[in-house]
């Protein structure tokens, strides 16, 4: 089973009421919500906005640099982002396949 990155975005108390199916409310952004990709994109952009040479496109993080050394330094910076404490994400290097 593959878990979508969007499904790792926690919902606020106010947002949960809009995800009610029968009597179940989701705590995280569920699959199939039309705004999920945009919400995930904004979340990722806000998380990585202060890092130069980084571009986010949906669930892809594009990293560049003017030299190999700068590129590797930027990669280390992205890997060092406290993913779990900020948004509840797992590390981007632990991508689940399925």
N, C-alpha and C. Protein backbone atom coordinates (compact mmCIF):
# COMPACT_ATOMS: atom_id res chain seq x y z
N UNK A 1 0.84 -1.18 0.00
CA UNK A 1 0.00 0.00 0.00
C UNK A 1 0.88 1.24 0.00
N UNK A 2 0.60 2.16 -0.90
CA UNK A 2 1.36 3.39 -1.00
C UNK A 2 0.59 4.49 -0.27
N UNK A 3 1.27 5.21 0.60
CA UNK A 3 0.65 6.30 1.32
C UNK A 3 1.02 7.60 0.62
N UNK A 4 0.02 8.36 0.23
CA UNK A 4 0.23 9.63 -0.46
C UNK A 4 0.81 10.66 0.50
N UNK A 5 1.68 11.51 -0.02
CA UNK A 5 2.24 12.59 0.79
C UNK A 5 1.14 13.51 1.30
N UNK A 6 0.10 13.74 0.48
CA UNK A 6 -0.99 14.61 0.91
C UNK A 6 -1.66 14.07 2.17
N UNK A 7 -1.67 12.75 2.31
CA UNK A 7 -2.33 12.14 3.47
C UNK A 7 -1.54 12.33 4.75
N UNK A 8 -0.38 12.97 4.67
CA UNK A 8 0.40 13.23 5.87
C UNK A 8 0.19 14.64 6.41
N UNK A 9 -0.60 15.46 5.72
CA UNK A 9 -0.85 16.83 6.17
C UNK A 9 -1.93 16.83 7.24
N UNK A 10 -1.58 17.25 8.47
CA UNK A 10 -2.59 17.27 9.54
C UNK A 10 -3.64 18.35 9.28
N UNK A 11 -4.87 18.07 9.69
CA UNK A 11 -5.96 19.03 9.55
C UNK A 11 -6.20 19.75 10.87
N UNK A 12 -6.64 21.00 10.79
CA UNK A 12 -7.02 21.74 11.99
C UNK A 12 -8.39 21.25 12.46
N UNK A 13 -8.73 21.57 13.68
CA UNK A 13 -10.04 21.17 14.21
C UNK A 13 -11.18 21.69 13.33
N UNK A 14 -11.07 22.95 12.87
CA UNK A 14 -12.12 23.53 12.04
C UNK A 14 -12.25 22.82 10.70
N UNK A 15 -11.14 22.35 10.14
CA UNK A 15 -11.16 21.70 8.82
C UNK A 15 -11.72 20.29 8.88
N UNK A 16 -11.60 19.64 10.01
CA UNK A 16 -12.03 18.24 10.12
C UNK A 16 -13.51 18.04 9.82
N UNK A 17 -14.34 19.01 10.17
CA UNK A 17 -15.78 18.85 9.95
C UNK A 17 -16.12 18.76 8.46
N UNK A 18 -15.25 19.29 7.61
CA UNK A 18 -15.50 19.24 6.16
C UNK A 18 -15.08 17.92 5.53
N UNK A 19 -14.44 17.06 6.31
CA UNK A 19 -14.01 15.77 5.78
C UNK A 19 -14.84 14.62 6.34
N UNK A 20 -15.98 14.92 6.91
CA UNK A 20 -16.83 13.90 7.52
C UNK A 20 -17.46 13.01 6.45
N UNK A 21 -17.27 11.71 6.62
CA UNK A 21 -17.92 10.70 5.78
C UNK A 21 -18.70 9.82 6.74
N UNK A 22 -20.03 9.83 6.60
CA UNK A 22 -20.93 9.18 7.56
C UNK A 22 -20.65 9.75 8.94
N UNK A 23 -20.01 9.01 9.82
CA UNK A 23 -19.72 9.53 11.16
C UNK A 23 -18.22 9.67 11.41
N UNK A 24 -17.42 9.42 10.40
CA UNK A 24 -15.96 9.46 10.55
C UNK A 24 -15.39 10.80 10.09
N UNK A 25 -14.57 11.43 10.93
CA UNK A 25 -13.85 12.64 10.55
C UNK A 25 -12.38 12.32 10.44
N UNK A 26 -11.74 12.81 9.39
CA UNK A 26 -10.32 12.57 9.17
C UNK A 26 -9.47 13.55 9.99
N UNK A 27 -8.33 13.07 10.49
CA UNK A 27 -7.37 13.92 11.20
C UNK A 27 -6.30 14.45 10.24
N UNK A 28 -6.16 13.78 9.11
CA UNK A 28 -5.18 14.18 8.10
C UNK A 28 -5.90 14.33 6.76
N UNK A 29 -5.32 15.11 5.87
CA UNK A 29 -5.93 15.38 4.58
C UNK A 29 -6.15 14.08 3.82
N UNK A 30 -7.41 13.70 3.57
CA UNK A 30 -7.68 12.41 2.92
C UNK A 30 -7.48 12.45 1.41
N UNK A 31 -7.25 11.28 0.83
CA UNK A 31 -7.13 11.14 -0.61
C UNK A 31 -8.46 11.51 -1.25
N UNK A 32 -8.41 12.21 -2.37
CA UNK A 32 -9.61 12.52 -3.12
C UNK A 32 -10.18 13.90 -2.88
N UNK A 33 -9.67 14.64 -1.93
CA UNK A 33 -10.11 16.01 -1.72
C UNK A 33 -9.53 16.86 -2.84
N UNK A 34 -10.36 17.61 -3.54
CA UNK A 34 -9.92 18.37 -4.72
C UNK A 34 -8.80 19.36 -4.41
N UNK A 35 -8.80 19.92 -3.22
CA UNK A 35 -7.80 20.93 -2.88
C UNK A 35 -6.52 20.33 -2.30
N UNK A 36 -6.45 19.01 -2.16
CA UNK A 36 -5.29 18.37 -1.52
C UNK A 36 -3.97 18.68 -2.22
N UNK A 37 -3.85 18.56 -3.54
CA UNK A 37 -2.56 18.86 -4.17
C UNK A 37 -2.10 20.30 -3.94
N UNK A 38 -3.02 21.26 -4.03
CA UNK A 38 -2.66 22.66 -3.79
C UNK A 38 -2.27 22.92 -2.35
N UNK A 39 -3.00 22.30 -1.44
CA UNK A 39 -2.67 22.45 -0.02
C UNK A 39 -1.29 21.87 0.27
N UNK A 40 -1.02 20.71 -0.29
CA UNK A 40 0.28 20.08 -0.09
C UNK A 40 1.39 20.94 -0.69
N UNK A 41 1.17 21.48 -1.88
CA UNK A 41 2.16 22.34 -2.55
C UNK A 41 2.48 23.56 -1.68
N UNK A 42 1.45 24.23 -1.16
CA UNK A 42 1.68 25.41 -0.31
C UNK A 42 2.42 25.03 0.96
N UNK A 43 2.09 23.89 1.54
CA UNK A 43 2.77 23.44 2.75
C UNK A 43 4.25 23.21 2.48
N UNK A 44 4.55 22.52 1.38
CA UNK A 44 5.95 22.25 1.04
C UNK A 44 6.70 23.54 0.72
N UNK A 45 6.06 24.46 0.00
CA UNK A 45 6.70 25.73 -0.33
C UNK A 45 7.02 26.52 0.93
N UNK A 46 6.10 26.54 1.88
CA UNK A 46 6.36 27.29 3.12
C UNK A 46 7.46 26.64 3.94
N UNK A 47 7.57 25.34 3.86
CA UNK A 47 8.60 24.62 4.61
C UNK A 47 10.00 24.87 4.04
N UNK A 48 10.09 25.03 2.71
CA UNK A 48 11.39 25.14 2.04
C UNK A 48 11.67 26.52 1.47
N UNK A 49 10.84 27.51 1.77
CA UNK A 49 10.94 28.82 1.14
C UNK A 49 12.24 29.55 1.40
N UNK A 50 12.90 29.31 2.49
CA UNK A 50 14.12 30.04 2.83
C UNK A 50 15.40 29.39 2.31
N UNK A 51 15.28 28.30 1.57
CA UNK A 51 16.46 27.60 1.07
C UNK A 51 16.65 27.97 -0.41
N UNK A 52 17.80 28.56 -0.73
CA UNK A 52 18.10 28.94 -2.11
C UNK A 52 18.29 27.70 -2.98
N UNK A 53 17.98 27.83 -4.26
CA UNK A 53 18.17 26.78 -5.26
C UNK A 53 17.27 25.57 -5.03
N UNK A 54 16.10 25.79 -4.41
CA UNK A 54 15.14 24.71 -4.19
C UNK A 54 13.80 25.13 -4.78
N UNK A 55 13.19 24.22 -5.52
CA UNK A 55 11.88 24.46 -6.12
C UNK A 55 10.99 23.27 -5.79
N UNK A 56 9.76 23.55 -5.44
CA UNK A 56 8.81 22.48 -5.11
C UNK A 56 7.76 22.42 -6.21
N UNK A 57 7.50 21.22 -6.70
CA UNK A 57 6.40 20.99 -7.63
C UNK A 57 5.64 19.76 -7.14
N UNK A 58 4.50 20.01 -6.53
CA UNK A 58 3.68 18.98 -5.91
C UNK A 58 4.50 18.15 -4.94
N UNK A 59 4.77 16.87 -5.24
CA UNK A 59 5.54 16.08 -4.29
C UNK A 59 7.00 15.91 -4.71
N UNK A 60 7.45 16.74 -5.65
CA UNK A 60 8.86 16.72 -6.06
C UNK A 60 9.58 17.91 -5.47
N UNK A 61 10.77 17.67 -4.98
CA UNK A 61 11.64 18.74 -4.49
C UNK A 61 12.82 18.81 -5.45
N UNK A 62 12.92 19.91 -6.20
CA UNK A 62 13.98 20.07 -7.18
C UNK A 62 15.09 20.89 -6.54
N UNK A 63 16.30 20.36 -6.55
CA UNK A 63 17.44 21.02 -5.92
C UNK A 63 18.51 21.25 -6.97
N UNK A 64 18.99 22.49 -7.06
CA UNK A 64 20.05 22.83 -8.00
C UNK A 64 21.16 23.55 -7.25
N UNK A 65 22.15 23.98 -7.99
CA UNK A 65 23.23 24.76 -7.40
C UNK A 65 24.21 25.20 -8.47
N UNK A 66 24.91 26.30 -8.24
CA UNK A 66 25.85 26.81 -9.23
C UNK A 66 27.11 25.94 -9.37
N UNK A 67 27.34 25.07 -8.41
CA UNK A 67 28.50 24.17 -8.46
C UNK A 67 28.12 22.87 -7.76
N UNK A 68 28.94 21.85 -7.94
CA UNK A 68 28.68 20.57 -7.26
C UNK A 68 28.68 20.74 -5.75
N UNK A 69 29.63 21.52 -5.24
CA UNK A 69 29.72 21.72 -3.79
C UNK A 69 28.47 22.41 -3.25
N UNK A 70 28.02 23.47 -3.96
CA UNK A 70 26.83 24.19 -3.51
C UNK A 70 25.59 23.30 -3.60
N UNK A 71 25.53 22.49 -4.66
CA UNK A 71 24.40 21.57 -4.83
C UNK A 71 24.34 20.58 -3.67
N UNK A 72 25.47 19.99 -3.32
CA UNK A 72 25.51 19.03 -2.22
C UNK A 72 25.18 19.70 -0.89
N UNK A 73 25.62 20.92 -0.70
CA UNK A 73 25.30 21.65 0.54
C UNK A 73 23.78 21.89 0.62
N UNK A 74 23.17 22.25 -0.51
CA UNK A 74 21.72 22.47 -0.53
C UNK A 74 20.98 21.16 -0.25
N UNK A 75 21.45 20.05 -0.81
CA UNK A 75 20.84 18.75 -0.53
C UNK A 75 20.88 18.43 0.96
N UNK A 76 22.03 18.68 1.58
CA UNK A 76 22.16 18.43 3.03
C UNK A 76 21.20 19.32 3.82
N UNK A 77 21.04 20.56 3.38
CA UNK A 77 20.12 21.48 4.05
C UNK A 77 18.69 20.97 3.97
N UNK A 78 18.28 20.52 2.78
CA UNK A 78 16.92 19.99 2.61
C UNK A 78 16.73 18.74 3.46
N UNK A 79 17.71 17.87 3.47
CA UNK A 79 17.61 16.64 4.30
C UNK A 79 17.57 16.96 5.78
N UNK A 80 18.14 18.11 6.18
CA UNK A 80 18.18 18.49 7.59
C UNK A 80 16.94 19.22 8.07
N UNK A 81 15.98 19.47 7.18
CA UNK A 81 14.74 20.14 7.58
C UNK A 81 14.00 19.24 8.56
N UNK A 82 13.54 19.80 9.68
CA UNK A 82 12.82 18.97 10.67
C UNK A 82 11.41 18.64 10.21
N UNK A 83 11.30 17.71 9.26
CA UNK A 83 10.02 17.36 8.63
C UNK A 83 8.96 16.96 9.64
N UNK A 84 9.29 16.08 10.54
CA UNK A 84 8.30 15.53 11.46
C UNK A 84 7.76 16.59 12.40
N UNK A 85 8.62 17.43 12.96
CA UNK A 85 8.15 18.40 13.93
C UNK A 85 7.33 19.51 13.28
N UNK A 86 7.60 19.83 12.01
CA UNK A 86 6.86 20.92 11.37
C UNK A 86 5.49 20.51 10.87
N UNK A 87 5.41 19.41 10.14
CA UNK A 87 4.16 19.06 9.50
C UNK A 87 3.76 17.60 9.66
N UNK A 88 4.52 16.81 10.39
CA UNK A 88 4.17 15.42 10.58
C UNK A 88 4.58 14.54 9.43
N UNK A 89 5.45 15.03 8.54
CA UNK A 89 5.92 14.22 7.42
C UNK A 89 7.01 13.28 7.85
N UNK A 90 7.15 12.20 7.13
CA UNK A 90 8.35 11.38 7.25
C UNK A 90 9.44 12.01 6.42
N UNK A 91 10.63 11.57 6.57
CA UNK A 91 11.74 12.09 5.79
C UNK A 91 11.51 11.82 4.31
N UNK A 92 11.88 12.77 3.42
CA UNK A 92 11.66 12.55 1.99
C UNK A 92 12.52 11.41 1.44
N UNK A 93 13.52 10.97 2.18
CA UNK A 93 14.33 9.85 1.72
C UNK A 93 13.69 8.51 2.05
N UNK A 94 12.62 8.52 2.85
CA UNK A 94 11.93 7.29 3.24
C UNK A 94 10.63 7.12 2.45
N UNK A 95 10.67 7.42 1.16
CA UNK A 95 9.48 7.33 0.31
C UNK A 95 8.97 5.90 0.27
N UNK A 96 7.69 5.76 0.51
CA UNK A 96 7.10 4.42 0.51
C UNK A 96 6.66 4.07 -0.89
N UNK A 97 7.03 2.95 -1.35
CA UNK A 97 6.64 2.46 -2.67
C UNK A 97 5.62 1.34 -2.50
N UNK A 98 4.84 1.14 -3.51
CA UNK A 98 3.91 0.04 -3.42
C UNK A 98 3.07 -0.14 -4.61
